[in-house]
N, C-alpha and C. Protein backbone atom coordinates (compact mmCIF):
# COMPACT_ATOMS: atom_id res chain seq x y z
N MET A 1 287.90 99.02 -28.89
CA MET A 1 287.24 98.73 -27.62
C MET A 1 288.05 99.28 -26.44
N LEU A 2 289.37 99.20 -26.55
CA LEU A 2 290.23 99.72 -25.49
C LEU A 2 290.01 101.22 -25.31
N PHE A 3 289.84 101.92 -26.45
CA PHE A 3 289.58 103.36 -26.44
C PHE A 3 288.31 103.68 -25.64
N PHE A 4 287.24 102.91 -25.90
CA PHE A 4 285.98 103.13 -25.19
C PHE A 4 286.12 102.82 -23.70
N GLY A 5 286.94 101.81 -23.37
CA GLY A 5 287.19 101.48 -21.97
C GLY A 5 287.87 102.64 -21.24
N LEU A 6 288.84 103.26 -21.91
CA LEU A 6 289.55 104.40 -21.31
C LEU A 6 288.60 105.58 -21.11
N ILE A 7 287.73 105.83 -22.10
CA ILE A 7 286.75 106.91 -21.97
C ILE A 7 285.81 106.63 -20.80
N GLY A 8 285.37 105.36 -20.69
CA GLY A 8 284.48 104.98 -19.60
C GLY A 8 285.10 105.19 -18.24
N LYS A 9 286.38 104.82 -18.10
CA LYS A 9 287.06 105.01 -16.81
C LYS A 9 287.20 106.49 -16.47
N ARG A 10 287.51 107.30 -17.47
CA ARG A 10 287.63 108.74 -17.25
C ARG A 10 286.28 109.34 -16.86
N LEU A 11 285.21 108.92 -17.55
CA LEU A 11 283.87 109.41 -17.22
C LEU A 11 283.48 109.02 -15.80
N LEU A 12 283.79 107.77 -15.43
CA LEU A 12 283.45 107.31 -14.08
C LEU A 12 284.18 108.15 -13.04
N TRP A 13 285.44 108.49 -13.31
CA TRP A 13 286.22 109.33 -12.39
C TRP A 13 285.59 110.71 -12.26
N ILE A 14 285.16 111.29 -13.39
CA ILE A 14 284.51 112.61 -13.38
C ILE A 14 283.21 112.56 -12.58
N TYR A 15 282.40 111.50 -12.82
CA TYR A 15 281.14 111.37 -12.09
C TYR A 15 281.37 111.22 -10.59
N LYS A 16 282.43 110.51 -10.20
CA LYS A 16 282.74 110.37 -8.78
C LYS A 16 283.02 111.73 -8.15
N LYS A 17 283.67 112.61 -8.91
CA LYS A 17 283.98 113.95 -8.40
C LYS A 17 282.74 114.84 -8.35
N LEU A 18 281.85 114.71 -9.35
CA LEU A 18 280.71 115.62 -9.47
C LEU A 18 279.55 115.25 -8.56
N PHE A 19 279.25 113.96 -8.47
CA PHE A 19 278.03 113.54 -7.79
C PHE A 19 278.34 112.79 -6.50
N PRO A 20 277.41 112.81 -5.54
CA PRO A 20 277.58 112.00 -4.33
C PRO A 20 277.63 110.51 -4.66
N LYS A 21 278.20 109.75 -3.77
CA LYS A 21 278.48 108.34 -4.03
C LYS A 21 277.24 107.53 -4.41
N LYS A 22 276.11 107.78 -3.74
CA LYS A 22 274.94 106.95 -4.01
C LYS A 22 274.29 107.27 -5.36
N TYR A 23 274.63 108.40 -5.97
CA TYR A 23 274.01 108.77 -7.23
C TYR A 23 274.85 108.44 -8.46
N TYR A 24 276.18 108.52 -8.33
CA TYR A 24 276.98 108.50 -9.56
C TYR A 24 276.92 107.18 -10.31
N ILE A 25 276.74 106.06 -9.60
CA ILE A 25 276.67 104.77 -10.30
C ILE A 25 275.41 104.69 -11.15
N GLY A 26 274.28 105.13 -10.59
CA GLY A 26 273.03 105.13 -11.35
C GLY A 26 273.09 106.04 -12.56
N ILE A 27 273.62 107.25 -12.37
CA ILE A 27 273.75 108.21 -13.47
C ILE A 27 274.68 107.66 -14.54
N PHE A 28 275.81 107.08 -14.10
CA PHE A 28 276.79 106.53 -15.03
C PHE A 28 276.17 105.40 -15.85
N ARG A 29 275.43 104.52 -15.17
CA ARG A 29 274.78 103.41 -15.88
C ARG A 29 273.75 103.92 -16.87
N GLY A 30 272.97 104.90 -16.46
CA GLY A 30 271.94 105.45 -17.35
C GLY A 30 272.54 106.07 -18.60
N ILE A 31 273.57 106.88 -18.42
CA ILE A 31 274.20 107.54 -19.57
C ILE A 31 274.91 106.53 -20.46
N THR A 32 275.60 105.56 -19.87
CA THR A 32 276.29 104.55 -20.66
C THR A 32 275.29 103.72 -21.46
N PHE A 33 274.17 103.36 -20.82
CA PHE A 33 273.13 102.57 -21.49
C PHE A 33 272.55 103.35 -22.67
N THR A 34 272.29 104.65 -22.46
CA THR A 34 271.74 105.49 -23.52
C THR A 34 272.70 105.57 -24.70
N PHE A 35 274.00 105.80 -24.41
CA PHE A 35 274.98 105.89 -25.49
C PHE A 35 275.12 104.57 -26.23
N SER A 36 275.08 103.44 -25.51
CA SER A 36 275.23 102.15 -26.18
C SER A 36 274.02 101.88 -27.07
N CYS A 37 272.82 102.26 -26.62
CA CYS A 37 271.62 102.09 -27.45
C CYS A 37 271.71 102.95 -28.71
N LEU A 38 272.12 104.21 -28.55
CA LEU A 38 272.26 105.09 -29.71
C LEU A 38 273.28 104.53 -30.69
N PHE A 39 274.40 104.04 -30.16
CA PHE A 39 275.45 103.48 -31.01
C PHE A 39 274.95 102.25 -31.76
N LEU A 40 274.18 101.39 -31.08
CA LEU A 40 273.63 100.20 -31.73
C LEU A 40 272.67 100.58 -32.84
N PHE A 41 271.78 101.55 -32.58
CA PHE A 41 270.84 101.98 -33.61
C PHE A 41 271.58 102.59 -34.80
N LEU A 42 272.61 103.37 -34.54
CA LEU A 42 273.40 103.98 -35.60
C LEU A 42 274.10 102.92 -36.43
N ALA A 43 274.73 101.95 -35.75
CA ALA A 43 275.43 100.88 -36.46
C ALA A 43 274.45 100.05 -37.28
N ALA A 44 273.27 99.74 -36.72
CA ALA A 44 272.27 98.96 -37.44
C ALA A 44 271.76 99.74 -38.66
N GLY A 45 271.58 101.06 -38.49
CA GLY A 45 271.13 101.89 -39.61
C GLY A 45 272.14 101.93 -40.74
N ILE A 46 273.41 102.10 -40.40
CA ILE A 46 274.47 102.12 -41.41
C ILE A 46 274.55 100.78 -42.12
N TRP A 47 274.47 99.69 -41.35
CA TRP A 47 274.52 98.34 -41.91
C TRP A 47 273.36 98.11 -42.86
N PHE A 48 272.15 98.57 -42.47
CA PHE A 48 270.95 98.39 -43.28
C PHE A 48 271.07 99.17 -44.59
N VAL A 49 271.57 100.40 -44.53
CA VAL A 49 271.74 101.23 -45.74
C VAL A 49 272.76 100.58 -46.67
N ASP A 50 273.88 100.09 -46.13
CA ASP A 50 274.89 99.42 -46.95
C ASP A 50 274.31 98.17 -47.59
N TRP A 51 273.53 97.42 -46.85
CA TRP A 51 272.91 96.19 -47.36
C TRP A 51 271.98 96.52 -48.52
N ASN A 52 271.22 97.63 -48.42
CA ASN A 52 270.31 98.02 -49.49
C ASN A 52 271.07 98.46 -50.74
N LYS A 53 272.24 99.08 -50.56
CA LYS A 53 273.02 99.51 -51.71
C LYS A 53 273.62 98.33 -52.46
N LEU A 54 273.91 97.24 -51.72
CA LEU A 54 274.53 96.08 -52.36
C LEU A 54 273.56 95.37 -53.30
N PHE A 55 272.27 95.32 -52.92
CA PHE A 55 271.30 94.55 -53.73
C PHE A 55 270.24 95.44 -54.33
């Protein structure tokens, strides 16, 4: 989790440099939300496949 926190802080810093102030928070939230959804679906898929192999 600490690793992801460091990546998030670095990304936020990059977005602050690239985009104007009123845009970067929205863009950052959108991209973070998308990545978290993808990660959740991936984790759920892996868990489901493992569960099917067990039984």
